[in-house]
Amino acid sequence: MSHRFSFLLEIPAAPPEEAHRHFAGKLAFETDPADVHLDLERKTADFALVDVRSAEAYADMHIPGALHMAARAIHEASVAPLRGKLVVVYCWSISCNGSTRAAAKLSALGLSVKEMIGGLDAWVREGYPVEGRLPKDVSFDEYSRRHHA
């Protein structure tokens, strides 16, 4: 019987203790749209949801209740209203690193922060509500093209 090469097993899995540290650590830095939506809906967590995209993109479409703070505009004075809260940041999608940049700046200024994985794209694809000046029937893909053209 011949053994076939396995890409999955080429690098062995980490021991369970190491895997637990890794995945628990990852959850300390990230959250997802479902958890954010539930906590917003239930009002169970004291956190600030921050959209870090451009002012124009935010005005067109954003998550209800989200504050706007462009990633490049984050500085000591601008974060004063966020102090004492967990800050959850989001940007466009998984291919956008604006929320990662914002999270790095916020944490450097001493704030607790998590990144919402998938960004606004994941939020919309999961069917959660948005608000803004664009028609409610505009597709996220069309909206994204308007801002990335």
C-alpha atoms as a PDB file:
ATOM      1  CA  MET A   1       0.000   0.000   0.000  1.00  0.00           C
ATOM      2  CA  SER A   2       1.499   3.313  -1.014  1.00  0.00           C
ATOM      3  CA  HIS A   3       1.257   6.403   1.162  1.00  0.00           C
ATOM      4  CA  ARG A   4       0.125   9.535  -0.576  1.00  0.00           C
ATOM      5  CA  PHE A   5       1.482  12.935   0.370  1.00  0.00           C
ATOM      6  CA  SER A   6      -0.822  15.003   2.588  1.00  0.00           C
ATOM      7  CA  PHE A   7      -0.710  18.783   2.516  1.00  0.00           C
ATOM      8  CA  LEU A   8      -2.773  18.773   5.700  1.00  0.00           C
ATOM      9  CA  LEU A   9      -0.297  16.611   7.570  1.00  0.00           C
ATOM     10  CA  GLU A  10       2.900  18.039   6.053  1.00  0.00           C
ATOM     11  CA  ILE A  11       3.169  20.305   9.110  1.00  0.00           C
ATOM     12  CA  PRO A  12       1.908  18.566  12.251  1.00  0.00           C
ATOM     13  CA  ALA A  13      -0.869  20.142  14.296  1.00  0.00           C
ATOM     14  CA  ALA A  14       0.196  22.040  17.388  1.00  0.00           C
ATOM     15  CA  PRO A  15      -0.207  20.358  20.750  1.00  0.00           C
ATOM     16  CA  PRO A  16      -3.644  21.091  22.260  1.00  0.00           C
ATOM     17  CA  GLU A  17      -2.230  23.461  24.913  1.00  0.00           C
ATOM     18  CA  GLU A  18      -0.458  25.549  22.276  1.00  0.00           C
ATOM     19  CA  ALA A  19      -3.538  25.516  20.055  1.00  0.00           C
ATOM     20  CA  HIS A  20      -5.670  26.745  22.958  1.00  0.00           C
ATOM     21  CA  ARG A  21      -3.285  29.639  23.680  1.00  0.00           C
ATOM     22  CA  HIS A  22      -3.256  30.594  20.000  1.00  0.00           C
ATOM     23  CA  PHE A  23      -7.018  30.510  19.447  1.00  0.00           C
ATOM     24  CA  ALA A  24      -7.881  32.137  22.790  1.00  0.00           C
ATOM     25  CA  GLY A  25      -5.336  34.844  21.998  1.00  0.00           C
ATOM     26  CA  LYS A  26      -6.873  35.383  18.577  1.00  0.00           C
ATOM     27  CA  LEU A  27     -10.298  35.876  20.162  1.00  0.00           C
ATOM     28  CA  ALA A  28      -8.815  38.546  22.448  1.00  0.00           C
ATOM     29  CA  PHE A  29      -8.085  40.620  19.324  1.00  0.00           C
ATOM     30  CA  GLU A  30     -11.055  39.829  17.066  1.00  0.00           C
ATOM     31  CA  THR A  31     -14.813  39.610  17.089  1.00  0.00           C
ATOM     32  CA  ASP A  32     -17.312  38.899  14.338  1.00  0.00           C
ATOM     33  CA  PRO A  33     -20.440  40.560  12.971  1.00  0.00           C
ATOM     34  CA  ALA A  34     -22.780  38.086  14.699  1.00  0.00           C
ATOM     35  CA  ASP A  35     -21.380  38.849  18.164  1.00  0.00           C
ATOM     36  CA  VAL A  36     -21.378  42.607  17.513  1.00  0.00           C
ATOM     37  CA  HIS A  37     -24.951  42.484  16.217  1.00  0.00           C
ATOM     38  CA  LEU A  38     -26.205  40.495  19.203  1.00  0.00           C
ATOM     39  CA  ASP A  39     -24.520  42.774  21.728  1.00  0.00           C
ATOM     40  CA  LEU A  40     -25.882  45.873  19.968  1.00  0.00           C
ATOM     41  CA  GLU A  41     -29.361  44.373  19.799  1.00  0.00           C
ATOM     42  CA  ARG A  42     -29.347  43.184  23.433  1.00  0.00           C
ATOM     43  CA  LYS A  43     -27.376  46.185  24.734  1.00  0.00           C
ATOM     44  CA  THR A  44     -25.336  43.707  26.768  1.00  0.00           C
ATOM     45  CA  ALA A  45     -21.876  45.205  26.395  1.00  0.00           C
ATOM     46  CA  ASP A  46     -20.516  48.697  26.900  1.00  0.00           C
ATOM     47  CA  PHE A  47     -18.470  49.208  23.755  1.00  0.00           C
ATOM     48  CA  ALA A  48     -18.006  51.755  21.028  1.00  0.00           C
ATOM     49  CA  LEU A  49     -18.355  50.560  17.442  1.00  0.00           C
ATOM     50  CA  VAL A  50     -16.118  52.659  15.192  1.00  0.00           C
ATOM     51  CA  ASP A  51     -16.156  52.824  11.400  1.00  0.00           C
ATOM     52  CA  VAL A  52     -12.625  53.775  10.303  1.00  0.00           C
ATOM     53  CA  ARG A  53     -13.310  54.339   6.577  1.00  0.00           C
ATOM     54  CA  SER A  54     -13.565  57.719   4.843  1.00  0.00           C
ATOM     55  CA  ALA A  55     -16.237  60.234   5.851  1.00  0.00           C
ATOM     56  CA  GLU A  56     -17.899  59.841   2.442  1.00  0.00           C
ATOM     57  CA  ALA A  57     -18.031  56.043   2.699  1.00  0.00           C
ATOM     58  CA  TYR A  58     -19.449  56.300   6.231  1.00  0.00           C
ATOM     59  CA  ALA A  59     -22.125  58.791   5.103  1.00  0.00           C
ATOM     60  CA  ASP A  60     -23.179  56.464   2.288  1.00  0.00           C
ATOM     61  CA  MET A  61     -23.462  53.303   4.402  1.00  0.00           C
ATOM     62  CA  HIS A  62     -22.514  52.251   7.918  1.00  0.00           C
ATOM     63  CA  ILE A  63     -23.656  50.066  10.794  1.00  0.00           C
ATOM     64  CA  PRO A  64     -26.386  51.759  12.865  1.00  0.00           C
ATOM     65  CA  GLY A  65     -24.896  53.257  16.006  1.00  0.00           C
ATOM     66  CA  ALA A  66     -21.339  53.225  14.672  1.00  0.00           C
ATOM     67  CA  LEU A  67     -19.218  56.295  15.251  1.00  0.00           C
ATOM     68  CA  HIS A  68     -17.005  57.606  12.484  1.00  0.00           C
ATOM     69  CA  MET A  69     -13.283  58.057  13.026  1.00  0.00           C
ATOM     70  CA  ALA A  70     -11.086  57.707   9.964  1.00  0.00           C
ATOM     71  CA  ALA A  71      -8.036  55.592  10.735  1.00  0.00           C
ATOM     72  CA  ARG A  72      -5.682  58.383   9.681  1.00  0.00           C
ATOM     73  CA  ALA A  73      -7.407  60.867  12.007  1.00  0.00           C
ATOM     74  CA  ILE A  74      -6.870  58.914  15.212  1.00  0.00           C
ATOM     75  CA  HIS A  75      -4.860  60.858  17.781  1.00  0.00           C
ATOM     76  CA  GLU A  76      -4.836  61.526  21.527  1.00  0.00           C
ATOM     77  CA  ALA A  77      -7.577  64.172  21.511  1.00  0.00           C
ATOM     78  CA  SER A  78      -9.880  62.314  19.087  1.00  0.00           C
ATOM     79  CA  VAL A  79     -10.018  59.197  21.279  1.00  0.00           C
ATOM     80  CA  ALA A  80     -11.002  60.996  24.499  1.00  0.00           C
ATOM     81  CA  PRO A  81     -14.708  60.020  24.185  1.00  0.00           C
ATOM     82  CA  LEU A  82     -13.710  56.363  23.767  1.00  0.00           C
ATOM     83  CA  ARG A  83     -11.656  56.056  26.945  1.00  0.00           C
ATOM     84  CA  GLY A  84     -12.918  53.454  29.397  1.00  0.00           C
ATOM     85  CA  LYS A  85     -14.767  51.441  26.743  1.00  0.00           C
ATOM     86  CA  LEU A  86     -13.873  48.529  24.558  1.00  0.00           C
ATOM     87  CA  VAL A  87     -13.537  49.882  21.022  1.00  0.00           C
ATOM     88  CA  VAL A  88     -14.585  47.633  18.133  1.00  0.00           C
ATOM     89  CA  VAL A  89     -13.283  48.826  14.776  1.00  0.00           C
ATOM     90  CA  TYR A  90     -14.305  47.870  11.251  1.00  0.00           C
ATOM     91  CA  CYS A  91     -13.489  48.875   7.693  1.00  0.00           C
ATOM     92  CA  TRP A  92     -14.554  47.610   4.240  1.00  0.00           C
ATOM     93  CA  SER A  93     -13.829  43.907   4.122  1.00  0.00           C
ATOM     94  CA  ILE A  94     -11.321  41.194   4.819  1.00  0.00           C
ATOM     95  CA  SER A  95      -9.070  42.676   2.136  1.00  0.00           C
ATOM     96  CA  CYS A  96      -8.903  46.065   3.888  1.00  0.00           C
ATOM     97  CA  ASN A  97      -6.342  46.692   6.619  1.00  0.00           C
ATOM     98  CA  GLY A  98      -7.751  50.039   7.746  1.00  0.00           C
ATOM     99  CA  SER A  99      -9.263  48.500  10.866  1.00  0.00           C
ATOM    100  CA  THR A 100      -5.950  46.825  11.683  1.00  0.00           C
ATOM    101  CA  ARG A 101      -4.166  50.181  11.342  1.00  0.00           C
ATOM    102  CA  ALA A 102      -6.798  51.842  13.524  1.00  0.00           C
ATOM    103  CA  ALA A 103      -6.581  49.088  16.141  1.00  0.00           C
ATOM    104  CA  ALA A 104      -2.803  49.521  16.284  1.00  0.00           C
ATOM    105  CA  LYS A 105      -3.154  53.295  16.770  1.00  0.00           C
ATOM    106  CA  LEU A 106      -5.897  52.955  19.382  1.00  0.00           C
ATOM    107  CA  SER A 107      -4.028  50.356  21.401  1.00  0.00           C
ATOM    108  CA  ALA A 108      -0.859  52.489  21.241  1.00  0.00           C
ATOM    109  CA  LEU A 109      -2.932  55.272  22.825  1.00  0.00           C
ATOM    110  CA  GLY A 110      -3.922  52.926  25.664  1.00  0.00           C
ATOM    111  CA  LEU A 111      -7.397  51.841  24.554  1.00  0.00           C
ATOM    112  CA  SER A 112      -8.787  48.319  24.620  1.00  0.00           C
ATOM    113  CA  VAL A 113      -9.681  47.348  21.077  1.00  0.00           C
ATOM    114  CA  LYS A 114     -10.976  44.468  18.970  1.00  0.00           C
ATOM    115  CA  GLU A 115     -11.270  44.239  15.208  1.00  0.00           C
ATOM    116  CA  MET A 116     -14.535  43.072  13.628  1.00  0.00           C
ATOM    117  CA  ILE A 117     -13.384  40.497  11.107  1.00  0.00           C
ATOM    118  CA  GLY A 118     -14.837  40.776   7.618  1.00  0.00           C
ATOM    119  CA  GLY A 119     -15.748  44.440   8.022  1.00  0.00           C
ATOM    120  CA  LEU A 120     -18.876  46.017   6.585  1.00  0.00           C
ATOM    121  CA  ASP A 121     -18.893  43.449   3.775  1.00  0.00           C
ATOM    122  CA  ALA A 122     -19.354  40.556   6.226  1.00  0.00           C
ATOM    123  CA  TRP A 123     -21.966  42.560   8.169  1.00  0.00           C
ATOM    124  CA  VAL A 124     -24.021  43.154   5.010  1.00  0.00           C
ATOM    125  CA  ARG A 125     -23.618  39.573   3.746  1.00  0.00           C
ATOM    126  CA  GLU A 126     -24.983  38.303   7.078  1.00  0.00           C
ATOM    127  CA  GLY A 127     -28.093  40.406   6.488  1.00  0.00           C
ATOM    128  CA  TYR A 128     -27.669  42.916   9.308  1.00  0.00           C
ATOM    129  CA  PRO A 129     -29.080  46.437   8.960  1.00  0.00           C
ATOM    130  CA  VAL A 130     -27.185  49.428   7.625  1.00  0.00           C
ATOM    131  CA  GLU A 131     -27.980  53.098   7.404  1.00  0.00           C
ATOM    132  CA  GLY A 132     -26.777  55.976   5.299  1.00  0.00           C
ATOM    133  CA  ARG A 133     -27.692  58.118   2.339  1.00  0.00           C
ATOM    134  CA  LEU A 134     -27.642  55.375  -0.321  1.00  0.00           C
ATOM    135  CA  PRO A 135     -30.859  53.630  -1.345  1.00  0.00           C
ATOM    136  CA  LYS A 136     -31.638  50.591   0.795  1.00  0.00           C
ATOM    137  CA  ASP A 137     -31.685  48.327  -2.276  1.00  0.00           C
ATOM    138  CA  VAL A 138     -28.134  49.145  -3.415  1.00  0.00           C
ATOM    139  CA  SER A 139     -25.936  46.064  -3.360  1.00  0.00           C
ATOM    140  CA  PHE A 140     -22.784  46.110  -1.271  1.00  0.00           C
ATOM    141  CA  ASP A 141     -20.759  45.266  -4.389  1.00  0.00           C
ATOM    142  CA  GLU A 142     -22.171  48.310  -6.223  1.00  0.00           C
ATOM    143  CA  TYR A 143     -21.567  50.480  -3.154  1.00  0.00           C
ATOM    144  CA  SER A 144     -17.998  49.213  -2.842  1.00  0.00           C
ATOM    145  CA  ARG A 145     -17.326  49.929  -6.538  1.00  0.00           C
ATOM    146  CA  ARG A 146     -18.468  53.528  -6.031  1.00  0.00           C
ATOM    147  CA  HIS A 147     -15.822  54.028  -3.366  1.00  0.00           C
ATOM    148  CA  HIS A 148     -13.000  51.984  -4.862  1.00  0.00           C
ATOM    149  CA  ALA A 149     -13.315  53.093  -8.497  1.00  0.00           C
END
